[in-house]
Amino acid sequence: VLGQMTPLAVAAWRFAVAAVVLAPFALRRPSGRAVRAAARPLAILVVCGGVLYPWLFLTALARTSATNAALLIALNPVFTLLLAPLIGEPLTRRRLGGVLLALVGAATVIAHGHLDTLTSLALNSGDLLALTAAGLWSVFNLASRRAMAQLTPAFTNWVVCGVGSTVLFVLAAPQHPLAQLRAASLDAWSSLAILAIVSTVVSGQFFLGGVRAIGVSRAVVFIYLMPVLTAVFATTLLGEAFYAAQAVGGA
C-alpha cells in the first residue's frame, strides 16, 4: 500500500476503517467517572499510538529497509521494561536478562543469521524515525496499563483510532488522501483492509486484554514472537526459504 499512497494517508485511512469496525463493540461506554479517571493515560495513548507512532513508523518504512526498521522496533520491549518501574512494575535482573536474550533471538531471525547485517547498520533518517517510533510505542504500552484499569479494550481502541484518524486526516489534507484512495488498486485496498482489521482491531484488542490480565512488562515480551511467526508464515504461505539461523533465533 505504501507503493501507491503516502504514509500519512495510509495511517489516516487505516485508523478510520478500524474506528468504524470498533464502533459497535465500543457502544457500551464506561461511566463518565471512569473516563475522567483514565483521561491522562487515554490522551497519551491517542497522541503516541493514534498519531505519532503510525505516522513515524510508516514514514520510516518509506525511507529505510524493512530489516532495519524491524531491528529497531525490536527495541520496544527493552524500552518498555526499563520504564516499567514508573508504573509500579519491578525491573528485575531475570526480566532484563530474558528480554535481552529475546532481543538477540529476534535480531538473529530478522538478519537471517548474517552478522554483517547487524554490524553494518548505519542510522539514516528512516532508522532514526523507526527508533523514535519504538520509544513512542513503549510509552503507549505503559499508558495502556493505567487505561485498562478503568476502560475496556474496545472503547480504548475506538477512541485511539477515532481521534487518531481525525488528526491524521488533518495532517494529510495537503496530500489529498481521498484522491489517493480512489486512485489506488484493489491490491492496495486489500492491504489497507488487512492493516485496519487484522493488524489494528484484532491485534489491538488482544494486546490490551493481555496487558489488563498479566501486566505490560510480561505482555510486551510476546512482541518478540512477531519476527518468528513472520518467518514461519513467509515459508508456509509465500514459499520463502527458511534458514537455520531463523530456527536458532526463534528458539
Protein backbone atom coordinates (compact mmCIF):
# COMPACT_ATOMS: atom_id res chain seq x y z
CA VAL A 1 0.00 0.00 0.00
CA LEU A 2 2.96 2.34 0.60
CA GLY A 3 3.88 1.84 -3.05
CA GLN A 4 0.71 3.69 -4.06
CA MET A 5 -0.15 6.01 -1.16
CA THR A 6 1.75 8.32 1.19
CA PRO A 7 2.43 7.20 4.78
CA LEU A 8 0.12 9.82 6.31
CA ALA A 9 -2.78 8.88 4.04
CA VAL A 10 -2.31 5.18 4.79
CA ALA A 11 -2.22 5.82 8.54
CA ALA A 12 -5.33 8.01 8.38
CA TRP A 13 -7.41 5.52 6.38
CA ARG A 14 -6.14 2.57 8.43
CA PHE A 15 -7.34 4.11 11.69
CA ALA A 16 -10.57 5.42 10.16
CA VAL A 17 -11.58 1.93 8.98
CA ALA A 18 -10.54 0.47 12.34
CA ALA A 19 -12.67 3.05 14.21
CA VAL A 20 -15.74 2.13 12.13
CA VAL A 21 -15.22 -1.59 12.79
CA LEU A 22 -14.70 -0.99 16.52
CA ALA A 23 -17.72 1.32 16.96
CA PRO A 24 -20.36 -1.39 17.60
CA PHE A 25 -18.14 -3.01 20.24
CA ALA A 26 -17.47 0.31 21.97
CA LEU A 27 -21.15 1.26 22.32
CA ARG A 28 -21.23 0.06 25.92
CA ARG A 29 -19.36 3.12 27.04
CA PRO A 30 -17.84 3.28 30.50
CA SER A 31 -19.15 5.75 33.05
CA GLY A 32 -18.09 9.36 32.89
CA ARG A 33 -16.22 8.85 36.15
CA ALA A 34 -14.13 6.06 34.63
CA VAL A 35 -13.34 8.14 31.55
CA ARG A 36 -12.29 11.10 33.70
CA ALA A 37 -10.10 8.83 35.83
CA ALA A 38 -8.38 7.49 32.71
CA ALA A 39 -8.25 10.82 30.86
CA ARG A 40 -4.49 11.36 31.18
CA PRO A 41 -3.33 7.88 30.05
CA LEU A 42 -6.02 7.88 27.35
CA ALA A 43 -4.64 11.17 26.00
CA ILE A 44 -1.14 9.65 25.95
CA LEU A 45 -2.48 6.62 24.08
CA VAL A 46 -4.10 8.86 21.47
CA VAL A 47 -1.03 11.06 20.91
CA CYS A 48 1.59 8.29 20.97
CA GLY A 49 -0.36 5.37 19.50
CA GLY A 50 -3.02 7.12 17.46
CA VAL A 51 -0.99 9.88 15.78
CA LEU A 52 2.79 9.87 16.21
CA TYR A 53 3.62 6.15 16.11
CA PRO A 54 1.75 5.19 12.90
CA TRP A 55 2.90 8.36 11.15
CA LEU A 56 6.58 7.94 12.09
CA PHE A 57 6.72 4.18 11.53
CA LEU A 58 5.15 4.27 8.06
CA THR A 59 7.38 7.21 7.15
CA ALA A 60 10.37 5.21 8.38
CA LEU A 61 9.39 2.24 6.18
CA ALA A 62 9.38 4.56 3.17
CA ARG A 63 12.95 5.69 3.95
CA THR A 64 14.73 2.59 5.19
CA SER A 65 14.74 -1.16 4.70
CA ALA A 66 12.16 -3.40 6.38
CA THR A 67 15.07 -5.26 8.06
CA ASN A 68 16.47 -2.09 9.63
CA ALA A 69 13.01 -0.99 10.77
CA ALA A 70 12.26 -4.41 12.28
CA LEU A 71 15.57 -4.47 14.17
CA LEU A 72 14.99 -1.02 15.64
CA ILE A 73 11.33 -1.66 16.52
CA ALA A 74 12.52 -4.82 18.32
CA LEU A 75 14.00 -2.48 20.95
CA ASN A 76 10.46 -1.62 22.08
CA PRO A 77 10.20 -4.30 24.81
CA VAL A 78 13.59 -3.20 26.18
CA PHE A 79 12.44 0.42 26.40
CA THR A 80 9.14 -0.68 27.97
CA LEU A 81 10.84 -2.83 30.59
CA LEU A 82 13.32 -0.10 31.53
CA LEU A 83 10.45 2.36 32.03
CA ALA A 84 8.09 -0.11 33.74
CA PRO A 85 9.10 0.93 37.30
CA LEU A 86 7.37 4.26 36.57
CA ILE A 87 4.02 2.42 36.76
CA GLY A 88 4.96 0.18 39.66
CA GLU A 89 6.16 -2.93 37.81
CA PRO A 90 9.59 -4.05 39.08
CA LEU A 91 12.70 -4.24 36.89
CA THR A 92 14.48 -7.45 37.91
CA ARG A 93 17.69 -8.95 36.57
CA ARG A 94 15.77 -12.01 35.44
CA ARG A 95 13.30 -9.96 33.40
CA LEU A 96 16.02 -7.79 31.88
CA GLY A 97 18.13 -10.84 31.03
CA GLY A 98 15.17 -12.57 29.42
CA VAL A 99 14.27 -9.56 27.29
CA LEU A 100 17.88 -9.10 26.15
CA LEU A 101 18.10 -12.81 25.24
CA ALA A 102 14.84 -12.49 23.28
CA LEU A 103 16.23 -9.38 21.55
CA VAL A 104 19.29 -11.36 20.40
CA GLY A 105 16.98 -14.10 19.10
CA ALA A 106 14.76 -11.62 17.26
CA ALA A 107 17.80 -9.94 15.69
CA THR A 108 19.08 -13.36 14.56
CA VAL A 109 15.75 -14.15 12.89
CA ILE A 110 15.41 -10.73 11.26
CA ALA A 111 19.00 -10.71 9.95
CA HIS A 112 18.83 -14.38 8.80
CA GLY A 113 21.92 -15.01 10.92
CA HIS A 114 24.13 -12.67 8.90
CA LEU A 115 26.26 -10.77 11.42
CA ASP A 116 27.29 -8.23 8.77
CA THR A 117 23.67 -7.04 8.63
CA LEU A 118 23.92 -6.02 12.27
CA THR A 119 27.46 -4.61 12.21
CA SER A 120 26.78 -2.57 9.06
CA LEU A 121 23.60 -0.99 10.46
CA ALA A 122 24.12 2.72 9.79
CA LEU A 123 21.49 5.11 11.05
CA ASN A 124 19.83 7.27 8.42
CA SER A 125 16.75 9.44 8.76
CA GLY A 126 14.41 6.47 8.34
CA ASP A 127 16.23 4.48 11.01
CA LEU A 128 16.07 7.38 13.46
CA LEU A 129 12.33 7.64 12.82
CA ALA A 130 11.92 3.89 13.47
CA LEU A 131 13.90 4.22 16.70
CA THR A 132 11.73 7.14 17.80
CA ALA A 133 8.63 5.10 16.92
CA ALA A 134 9.87 2.28 19.16
CA GLY A 135 10.21 4.73 22.03
CA LEU A 136 6.71 6.08 21.45
CA TRP A 137 5.33 2.56 21.37
CA SER A 138 6.89 1.84 24.76
CA VAL A 139 5.20 4.94 26.20
CA PHE A 140 1.92 3.70 24.68
CA ASN A 141 2.43 0.33 26.39
CA LEU A 142 2.96 1.93 29.80
CA ALA A 143 -0.05 4.23 29.46
CA SER A 144 -2.22 1.30 28.37
CA ARG A 145 -1.78 -0.35 31.78
CA ARG A 146 -3.28 2.70 33.52
CA ALA A 147 -6.11 2.98 31.00
CA MET A 148 -7.02 -0.71 31.25
CA ALA A 149 -7.65 -0.27 34.97
CA GLN A 150 -10.69 1.87 34.09
CA LEU A 151 -11.71 1.21 30.48
CA THR A 152 -12.43 -1.72 28.14
CA PRO A 153 -10.05 -2.57 25.28
CA ALA A 154 -12.79 -1.90 22.69
CA PHE A 155 -13.59 1.58 23.98
CA THR A 156 -9.90 2.46 24.36
CA ASN A 157 -9.00 1.30 20.85
CA TRP A 158 -12.04 3.08 19.41
CA VAL A 159 -11.03 6.41 20.97
CA VAL A 160 -7.39 5.99 19.90
CA CYS A 161 -8.33 5.12 16.32
CA GLY A 162 -11.15 7.66 16.04
CA VAL A 163 -9.25 10.66 17.36
CA GLY A 164 -6.04 9.49 15.73
CA SER A 165 -7.62 9.20 12.28
CA THR A 166 -9.16 12.66 12.60
CA VAL A 167 -5.80 14.27 13.40
CA LEU A 168 -4.03 12.23 10.71
CA PHE A 169 -6.59 13.32 8.09
CA VAL A 170 -5.94 16.96 9.01
CA LEU A 171 -2.17 16.43 8.70
CA ALA A 172 -2.62 14.54 5.42
CA ALA A 173 -5.04 17.07 3.87
CA PRO A 174 -2.41 18.67 1.55
CA GLN A 175 -1.71 15.17 0.20
CA HIS A 176 -5.38 14.57 -0.75
CA PRO A 177 -5.96 11.20 1.00
CA LEU A 178 -9.38 10.67 -0.64
CA ALA A 179 -7.93 11.12 -4.12
CA GLN A 180 -5.13 8.72 -3.23
CA LEU A 181 -7.62 6.09 -2.07
CA ARG A 182 -9.66 6.44 -5.27
CA ALA A 183 -6.54 6.04 -7.41
CA ALA A 184 -5.24 3.02 -5.51
CA SER A 185 -5.51 -0.50 -6.90
CA LEU A 186 -7.60 -3.35 -5.49
CA ASP A 187 -4.42 -4.88 -4.06
CA ALA A 188 -3.69 -1.67 -2.14
CA TRP A 189 -7.29 -1.57 -0.86
CA SER A 190 -6.98 -5.19 0.31
CA SER A 191 -3.69 -4.44 2.06
CA LEU A 192 -5.24 -1.43 3.76
CA ALA A 193 -8.18 -3.54 4.95
CA ILE A 194 -5.80 -6.12 6.43
CA LEU A 195 -3.83 -3.37 8.18
CA ALA A 196 -7.01 -1.93 9.64
CA ILE A 197 -8.90 -5.06 10.67
CA VAL A 198 -6.23 -7.68 11.44
CA SER A 199 -3.23 -5.56 12.49
CA THR A 200 -5.15 -2.80 14.27
CA VAL A 201 -8.55 -4.01 15.52
CA VAL A 202 -7.94 -7.69 16.28
CA SER A 203 -4.34 -7.47 17.48
CA GLY A 204 -5.07 -4.29 19.43
CA GLN A 205 -7.95 -5.94 21.29
CA PHE A 206 -5.90 -8.97 22.22
CA PHE A 207 -2.86 -6.93 23.28
CA LEU A 208 -4.80 -4.57 25.56
CA GLY A 209 -6.65 -7.56 27.01
CA GLY A 210 -3.28 -9.16 27.71
CA VAL A 211 -1.98 -6.01 29.41
CA ARG A 212 -5.05 -6.00 31.63
CA ALA A 213 -4.61 -9.68 32.54
CA ILE A 214 -0.84 -10.08 33.05
CA GLY A 215 0.71 -6.59 33.11
CA VAL A 216 2.63 -4.68 30.47
CA SER A 217 6.11 -6.00 31.33
CA ARG A 218 5.04 -9.56 30.63
CA ALA A 219 2.68 -8.83 27.73
CA VAL A 220 5.23 -6.81 25.78
CA VAL A 221 7.70 -9.72 25.61
CA PHE A 222 5.33 -11.55 23.25
CA ILE A 223 6.17 -8.91 20.63
CA TYR A 224 9.32 -10.97 20.01
CA LEU A 225 7.18 -13.71 18.50
CA MET A 226 6.38 -11.44 15.54
CA PRO A 227 9.61 -11.98 13.54
CA VAL A 228 9.46 -15.70 14.33
CA LEU A 229 5.85 -16.03 13.16
CA THR A 230 6.60 -13.87 10.13
CA ALA A 231 9.39 -16.26 9.12
CA VAL A 232 7.08 -19.26 9.58
CA PHE A 233 4.23 -17.68 7.60
CA ALA A 234 6.59 -16.50 4.84
CA THR A 235 7.82 -20.07 4.48
CA THR A 236 4.44 -21.80 4.55
CA LEU A 237 2.33 -19.23 2.69
CA LEU A 238 4.79 -17.48 0.38
CA GLY A 239 7.27 -20.28 -0.30
CA GLU A 240 10.27 -18.35 1.02
CA ALA A 241 13.36 -20.19 2.25
CA PHE A 242 13.63 -20.98 5.94
CA TYR A 243 17.14 -20.53 7.34
CA ALA A 244 18.75 -22.49 10.14
CA ALA A 245 19.54 -19.16 11.83
CA GLN A 246 15.81 -18.42 11.96
CA ALA A 247 15.18 -21.68 13.83
CA VAL A 248 18.02 -20.91 16.26
CA GLY A 249 16.88 -17.32 16.77
CA GLY A 250 13.25 -18.43 17.17
CA ALA A 251 14.26 -20.90 19.87
